[in-house]
Amino acid sequence: MTPSESHSILITQSQISTRVRELAEEILAQHNGQPMTVILLLKGAILFAADLCRHLPSNIQIECLSVSSYHGGTESSGTVTYLDAQLPDVSGRSVLLVDDILDTGLTLYSVSQKFKELGATHLSRCVLLSKKKDRLAEVSAEHVGFEINDEFVIGYGLDYQGRYRNLPYIGVMTLS
């Protein structure tokens, strides 16, 4: 961390672990044992999705989708960029989108619409964090780990300029 960067712990590793198990139970109850495709949005959701999927049945399909809306800054660029040449085949499948954070709503809205167009029979969304703020797109998540204030957070997959993803907790980033 540089002298102009610091952070404080917002959500501990223990709190995250407990809530991830609870989210998996919610998801299992909703899907009622039916096969599902879990699509994790890279890079931010990788740690959260890995832990979440360990609590789901072994018959799930796991796909990754690389999208970006931050492009290295601390605020969304307002544009969702699909970085993969080919999207997962979801036709006739129940889909669970897993993302790190629901902020402006643009990413989850765009990806949700895309997979509905591609024939997903059921689509639900799971996010680790949901910011308490007005969104630029009308979207919500059926499964939310934690609601947080509108602050820039790092850790447990979330980054600042590619760093801090590996922290085992969620921290609030302060830039001075």
C-alpha atoms as a PDB file:
ATOM      1  CA  MET A   1       0.000   0.000   0.000  1.00  0.00           C
ATOM      2  CA  THR A   2       1.340   3.414  -0.872  1.00  0.00           C
ATOM      3  CA  PRO A   3       1.398   6.243   1.698  1.00  0.00           C
ATOM      4  CA  SER A   4      -1.659   7.801   0.007  1.00  0.00           C
ATOM      5  CA  GLU A   5      -3.721   4.570   0.260  1.00  0.00           C
ATOM      6  CA  SER A   6      -5.198   3.025   3.379  1.00  0.00           C
ATOM      7  CA  HIS A   7      -8.176   0.905   4.314  1.00  0.00           C
ATOM      8  CA  SER A   8     -10.237  -0.198   7.282  1.00  0.00           C
ATOM      9  CA  ILE A   9     -11.969  -3.550   7.704  1.00  0.00           C
ATOM     10  CA  LEU A  10     -15.695  -3.398   6.980  1.00  0.00           C
ATOM     11  CA  ILE A  11     -16.634  -7.107   6.893  1.00  0.00           C
ATOM     12  CA  THR A  12     -14.463  -9.780   8.489  1.00  0.00           C
ATOM     13  CA  GLN A  13     -13.420 -13.095   6.995  1.00  0.00           C
ATOM     14  CA  SER A  14     -15.603 -14.901   9.536  1.00  0.00           C
ATOM     15  CA  GLN A  15     -18.668 -12.823   8.670  1.00  0.00           C
ATOM     16  CA  ILE A  16     -18.126 -13.519   4.967  1.00  0.00           C
ATOM     17  CA  SER A  17     -17.747 -17.263   5.520  1.00  0.00           C
ATOM     18  CA  THR A  18     -20.966 -17.482   7.539  1.00  0.00           C
ATOM     19  CA  ARG A  19     -22.949 -15.418   5.044  1.00  0.00           C
ATOM     20  CA  VAL A  20     -21.684 -17.399   2.027  1.00  0.00           C
ATOM     21  CA  ARG A  21     -23.010 -20.619   3.608  1.00  0.00           C
ATOM     22  CA  GLU A  22     -26.368 -18.927   4.249  1.00  0.00           C
ATOM     23  CA  LEU A  23     -26.558 -17.685   0.655  1.00  0.00           C
ATOM     24  CA  ALA A  24     -25.911 -21.202  -0.647  1.00  0.00           C
ATOM     25  CA  GLU A  25     -28.801 -22.498   1.472  1.00  0.00           C
ATOM     26  CA  GLU A  26     -31.093 -19.762   0.068  1.00  0.00           C
ATOM     27  CA  ILE A  27     -30.074 -20.615  -3.487  1.00  0.00           C
ATOM     28  CA  LEU A  28     -30.586 -24.350  -2.953  1.00  0.00           C
ATOM     29  CA  ALA A  29     -34.076 -23.724  -1.561  1.00  0.00           C
ATOM     30  CA  GLN A  30     -34.973 -21.523  -4.533  1.00  0.00           C
ATOM     31  CA  HIS A  31     -33.667 -23.919  -7.189  1.00  0.00           C
ATOM     32  CA  ASN A  32     -35.230 -26.945  -5.522  1.00  0.00           C
ATOM     33  CA  GLY A  33     -32.529 -29.351  -6.704  1.00  0.00           C
ATOM     34  CA  GLN A  34     -32.946 -28.493 -10.387  1.00  0.00           C
ATOM     35  CA  PRO A  35     -29.797 -28.333 -12.515  1.00  0.00           C
ATOM     36  CA  MET A  36     -28.350 -24.864 -12.870  1.00  0.00           C
ATOM     37  CA  THR A  37     -25.567 -23.045 -14.583  1.00  0.00           C
ATOM     38  CA  VAL A  38     -23.611 -20.727 -12.315  1.00  0.00           C
ATOM     39  CA  ILE A  39     -22.007 -17.880 -14.242  1.00  0.00           C
ATOM     40  CA  LEU A  40     -19.441 -15.915 -12.324  1.00  0.00           C
ATOM     41  CA  LEU A  41     -18.486 -12.467 -13.470  1.00  0.00           C
ATOM     42  CA  LEU A  42     -14.735 -12.031 -13.580  1.00  0.00           C
ATOM     43  CA  LYS A  43     -12.552 -10.911 -12.071  1.00  0.00           C
ATOM     44  CA  GLY A  44     -14.259  -9.537  -8.972  1.00  0.00           C
ATOM     45  CA  ALA A  45     -16.531 -12.484  -8.186  1.00  0.00           C
ATOM     46  CA  ILE A  46     -13.869 -15.198  -8.406  1.00  0.00           C
ATOM     47  CA  LEU A  47     -13.185 -15.700  -4.675  1.00  0.00           C
ATOM     48  CA  PHE A  48     -16.827 -15.271  -3.655  1.00  0.00           C
ATOM     49  CA  ALA A  49     -18.087 -17.617  -6.392  1.00  0.00           C
ATOM     50  CA  ALA A  50     -15.477 -20.270  -5.588  1.00  0.00           C
ATOM     51  CA  ASP A  51     -16.527 -20.347  -1.935  1.00  0.00           C
ATOM     52  CA  LEU A  52     -20.233 -20.231  -2.810  1.00  0.00           C
ATOM     53  CA  CYS A  53     -20.000 -23.071  -5.358  1.00  0.00           C
ATOM     54  CA  ARG A  54     -18.333 -25.349  -2.789  1.00  0.00           C
ATOM     55  CA  HIS A  55     -21.656 -25.283  -0.908  1.00  0.00           C
ATOM     56  CA  LEU A  56     -23.797 -26.054  -3.974  1.00  0.00           C
ATOM     57  CA  PRO A  57     -24.520 -29.524  -5.420  1.00  0.00           C
ATOM     58  CA  SER A  58     -21.953 -31.192  -7.635  1.00  0.00           C
ATOM     59  CA  ASN A  59     -24.304 -31.253 -10.640  1.00  0.00           C
ATOM     60  CA  ILE A  60     -24.009 -27.510 -11.326  1.00  0.00           C
ATOM     61  CA  GLN A  61     -22.251 -26.216 -14.405  1.00  0.00           C
ATOM     62  CA  ILE A  62     -19.798 -23.400 -13.731  1.00  0.00           C
ATOM     63  CA  GLU A  63     -19.023 -20.836 -16.410  1.00  0.00           C
ATOM     64  CA  CYS A  64     -16.972 -17.645 -16.293  1.00  0.00           C
ATOM     65  CA  LEU A  65     -17.721 -14.408 -18.061  1.00  0.00           C
ATOM     66  CA  SER A  66     -15.229 -11.598 -18.240  1.00  0.00           C
ATOM     67  CA  VAL A  67     -16.928  -8.202 -18.184  1.00  0.00           C
ATOM     68  CA  SER A  68     -15.756  -4.801 -17.086  1.00  0.00           C
ATOM     69  CA  SER A  69     -17.317  -1.473 -16.217  1.00  0.00           C
ATOM     70  CA  TYR A  70     -14.679   0.087 -13.941  1.00  0.00           C
ATOM     71  CA  HIS A  71     -11.633  -0.005 -16.238  1.00  0.00           C
ATOM     72  CA  GLY A  72      -9.166   0.644 -13.372  1.00  0.00           C
ATOM     73  CA  GLY A  73     -10.839   3.568 -11.620  1.00  0.00           C
ATOM     74  CA  THR A  74     -12.912   3.916  -8.464  1.00  0.00           C
ATOM     75  CA  GLU A  75     -16.161   4.669 -10.321  1.00  0.00           C
ATOM     76  CA  SER A  76     -18.024   2.837 -13.064  1.00  0.00           C
ATOM     77  CA  SER A  77     -17.236   4.044 -16.563  1.00  0.00           C
ATOM     78  CA  GLY A  78     -20.929   3.667 -17.443  1.00  0.00           C
ATOM     79  CA  THR A  79     -20.098   1.168 -20.187  1.00  0.00           C
ATOM     80  CA  VAL A  80     -20.225  -2.618 -19.811  1.00  0.00           C
ATOM     81  CA  THR A  81     -17.589  -4.311 -21.935  1.00  0.00           C
ATOM     82  CA  TYR A  82     -17.795  -8.050 -22.729  1.00  0.00           C
ATOM     83  CA  LEU A  83     -14.224  -9.314 -22.879  1.00  0.00           C
ATOM     84  CA  ASP A  84     -15.042 -12.901 -23.976  1.00  0.00           C
ATOM     85  CA  ALA A  85     -15.379 -13.771 -27.658  1.00  0.00           C
ATOM     86  CA  GLN A  86     -18.090 -16.369 -26.929  1.00  0.00           C
ATOM     87  CA  LEU A  87     -20.799 -16.429 -24.267  1.00  0.00           C
ATOM     88  CA  PRO A  88     -21.806 -19.606 -22.395  1.00  0.00           C
ATOM     89  CA  ASP A  89     -24.705 -21.620 -23.861  1.00  0.00           C
ATOM     90  CA  VAL A  90     -27.631 -21.153 -21.454  1.00  0.00           C
ATOM     91  CA  SER A  91     -30.517 -22.137 -23.724  1.00  0.00           C
ATOM     92  CA  GLY A  92     -33.091 -24.052 -21.690  1.00  0.00           C
ATOM     93  CA  ARG A  93     -31.039 -23.711 -18.485  1.00  0.00           C
ATOM     94  CA  SER A  94     -31.642 -22.189 -15.080  1.00  0.00           C
ATOM     95  CA  VAL A  95     -28.929 -19.562 -14.556  1.00  0.00           C
ATOM     96  CA  LEU A  96     -27.457 -18.046 -11.421  1.00  0.00           C
ATOM     97  CA  LEU A  97     -25.336 -14.949 -12.085  1.00  0.00           C
ATOM     98  CA  VAL A  98     -22.744 -14.352  -9.364  1.00  0.00           C
ATOM     99  CA  ASP A  99     -21.102 -10.950  -9.046  1.00  0.00           C
ATOM    100  CA  ASP A 100     -19.025  -9.232  -6.418  1.00  0.00           C
ATOM    101  CA  ILE A 101     -20.953  -5.979  -6.056  1.00  0.00           C
ATOM    102  CA  LEU A 102     -24.188  -4.356  -7.163  1.00  0.00           C
ATOM    103  CA  ASP A 103     -23.282  -0.702  -7.618  1.00  0.00           C
ATOM    104  CA  THR A 104     -24.695   1.193 -10.616  1.00  0.00           C
ATOM    105  CA  GLY A 105     -26.582  -1.901 -11.759  1.00  0.00           C
ATOM    106  CA  LEU A 106     -25.298  -1.573 -15.325  1.00  0.00           C
ATOM    107  CA  THR A 107     -23.278  -4.803 -15.345  1.00  0.00           C
ATOM    108  CA  LEU A 108     -25.952  -7.039 -13.799  1.00  0.00           C
ATOM    109  CA  TYR A 109     -28.660  -5.497 -15.947  1.00  0.00           C
ATOM    110  CA  SER A 110     -26.690  -5.906 -19.173  1.00  0.00           C
ATOM    111  CA  VAL A 111     -25.633  -9.492 -18.437  1.00  0.00           C
ATOM    112  CA  SER A 112     -29.132 -10.460 -17.226  1.00  0.00           C
ATOM    113  CA  GLN A 113     -30.707  -9.142 -20.433  1.00  0.00           C
ATOM    114  CA  LYS A 114     -28.112 -10.908 -22.572  1.00  0.00           C
ATOM    115  CA  PHE A 115     -28.749 -14.319 -20.990  1.00  0.00           C
ATOM    116  CA  LYS A 116     -32.510 -13.908 -21.155  1.00  0.00           C
ATOM    117  CA  GLU A 117     -32.076 -13.232 -24.891  1.00  0.00           C
ATOM    118  CA  LEU A 118     -29.931 -16.378 -25.148  1.00  0.00           C
ATOM    119  CA  GLY A 119     -32.773 -18.530 -23.776  1.00  0.00           C
ATOM    120  CA  ALA A 120     -32.191 -18.991 -20.042  1.00  0.00           C
ATOM    121  CA  THR A 121     -35.412 -20.461 -18.634  1.00  0.00           C
ATOM    122  CA  HIS A 122     -34.864 -18.992 -15.170  1.00  0.00           C
ATOM    123  CA  LEU A 123     -32.394 -16.331 -14.120  1.00  0.00           C
ATOM    124  CA  SER A 124     -31.470 -15.183 -10.637  1.00  0.00           C
ATOM    125  CA  ARG A 125     -28.675 -12.989  -9.346  1.00  0.00           C
ATOM    126  CA  CYS A 126     -26.416 -13.328  -6.325  1.00  0.00           C
ATOM    127  CA  VAL A 127     -24.056 -10.583  -5.177  1.00  0.00           C
ATOM    128  CA  LEU A 128     -21.727 -10.433  -2.230  1.00  0.00           C
ATOM    129  CA  LEU A 129     -22.305  -6.708  -1.731  1.00  0.00           C
ATOM    130  CA  SER A 130     -25.108  -4.324  -2.638  1.00  0.00           C
ATOM    131  CA  LYS A 131     -24.513  -0.603  -2.267  1.00  0.00           C
ATOM    132  CA  LYS A 132     -27.308   1.488  -0.775  1.00  0.00           C
ATOM    133  CA  LYS A 133     -27.693   3.970  -3.608  1.00  0.00           C
ATOM    134  CA  ASP A 134     -29.749   4.908  -6.627  1.00  0.00           C
ATOM    135  CA  ARG A 135     -28.876   2.749  -9.614  1.00  0.00           C
ATOM    136  CA  LEU A 136     -28.429   3.725 -13.243  1.00  0.00           C
ATOM    137  CA  ALA A 137     -30.231   0.522 -14.319  1.00  0.00           C
ATOM    138  CA  GLU A 138     -33.377  -1.098 -12.894  1.00  0.00           C
ATOM    139  CA  VAL A 139     -31.996  -4.333 -11.507  1.00  0.00           C
ATOM    140  CA  SER A 140     -31.882  -6.105  -8.168  1.00  0.00           C
ATOM    141  CA  ALA A 141     -30.304  -9.253  -6.812  1.00  0.00           C
ATOM    142  CA  GLU A 142     -32.429 -12.026  -5.336  1.00  0.00           C
ATOM    143  CA  HIS A 143     -29.532 -13.073  -3.095  1.00  0.00           C
ATOM    144  CA  VAL A 144     -27.454 -10.409  -1.321  1.00  0.00           C
ATOM    145  CA  GLY A 145     -24.617 -11.089   1.078  1.00  0.00           C
ATOM    146  CA  PHE A 146     -24.306  -7.658   2.662  1.00  0.00           C
ATOM    147  CA  GLU A 147     -25.760  -4.206   2.086  1.00  0.00           C
ATOM    148  CA  ILE A 148     -23.139  -1.505   2.397  1.00  0.00           C
ATOM    149  CA  ASN A 149     -22.927   2.265   2.159  1.00  0.00           C
ATOM    150  CA  ASP A 150     -21.723   3.893  -1.042  1.00  0.00           C
ATOM    151  CA  GLU A 151     -17.994   3.553  -0.360  1.00  0.00           C
ATOM    152  CA  PHE A 152     -15.143   2.156  -2.439  1.00  0.00           C
ATOM    153  CA  VAL A 153     -14.345  -1.335  -1.134  1.00  0.00           C
ATOM    154  CA  ILE A 154     -11.519  -3.784  -1.683  1.00  0.00           C
ATOM    155  CA  GLY A 155     -10.701  -7.364  -0.751  1.00  0.00           C
ATOM    156  CA  TYR A 156     -12.238 -10.800  -1.242  1.00  0.00           C
ATOM    157  CA  GLY A 157     -12.050 -10.350  -5.006  1.00  0.00           C
ATOM    158  CA  LEU A 158     -12.622  -6.608  -5.218  1.00  0.00           C
ATOM    159  CA  ASP A 159      -9.650  -4.569  -6.319  1.00  0.00           C
ATOM    160  CA  TYR A 160      -8.140  -1.164  -6.699  1.00  0.00           C
ATOM    161  CA  GLN A 161      -6.070  -1.011  -9.879  1.00  0.00           C
ATOM    162  CA  GLY A 162      -5.588  -4.785  -9.820  1.00  0.00           C
ATOM    163  CA  ARG A 163      -4.422  -4.947  -6.209  1.00  0.00           C
ATOM    164  CA  TYR A 164      -5.978  -6.131  -2.912  1.00  0.00           C
ATOM    165  CA  ARG A 165      -8.221  -8.866  -4.418  1.00  0.00           C
ATOM    166  CA  ASN A 166      -6.513 -11.451  -2.213  1.00  0.00           C
ATOM    167  CA  LEU A 167      -7.454  -9.843   1.117  1.00  0.00           C
ATOM    168  CA  PRO A 168      -9.603 -12.318   3.095  1.00  0.00           C
ATOM    169  CA  TYR A 169     -11.975  -9.543   4.246  1.00  0.00           C
ATOM    170  CA  ILE A 170     -13.777  -6.526   2.789  1.00  0.00           C
ATOM    171  CA  GLY A 171     -12.125  -3.192   3.488  1.00  0.00           C
ATOM    172  CA  VAL A 172     -13.108   0.404   2.805  1.00  0.00           C
ATOM    173  CA  MET A 173     -10.443   2.090   0.679  1.00  0.00           C
ATOM    174  CA  THR A 174      -9.311   5.591   1.504  1.00  0.00           C
ATOM    175  CA  LEU A 175      -7.306   7.562  -1.013  1.00  0.00           C
ATOM    176  CA  SER A 176      -5.643  10.746   0.120  1.00  0.00           C
END
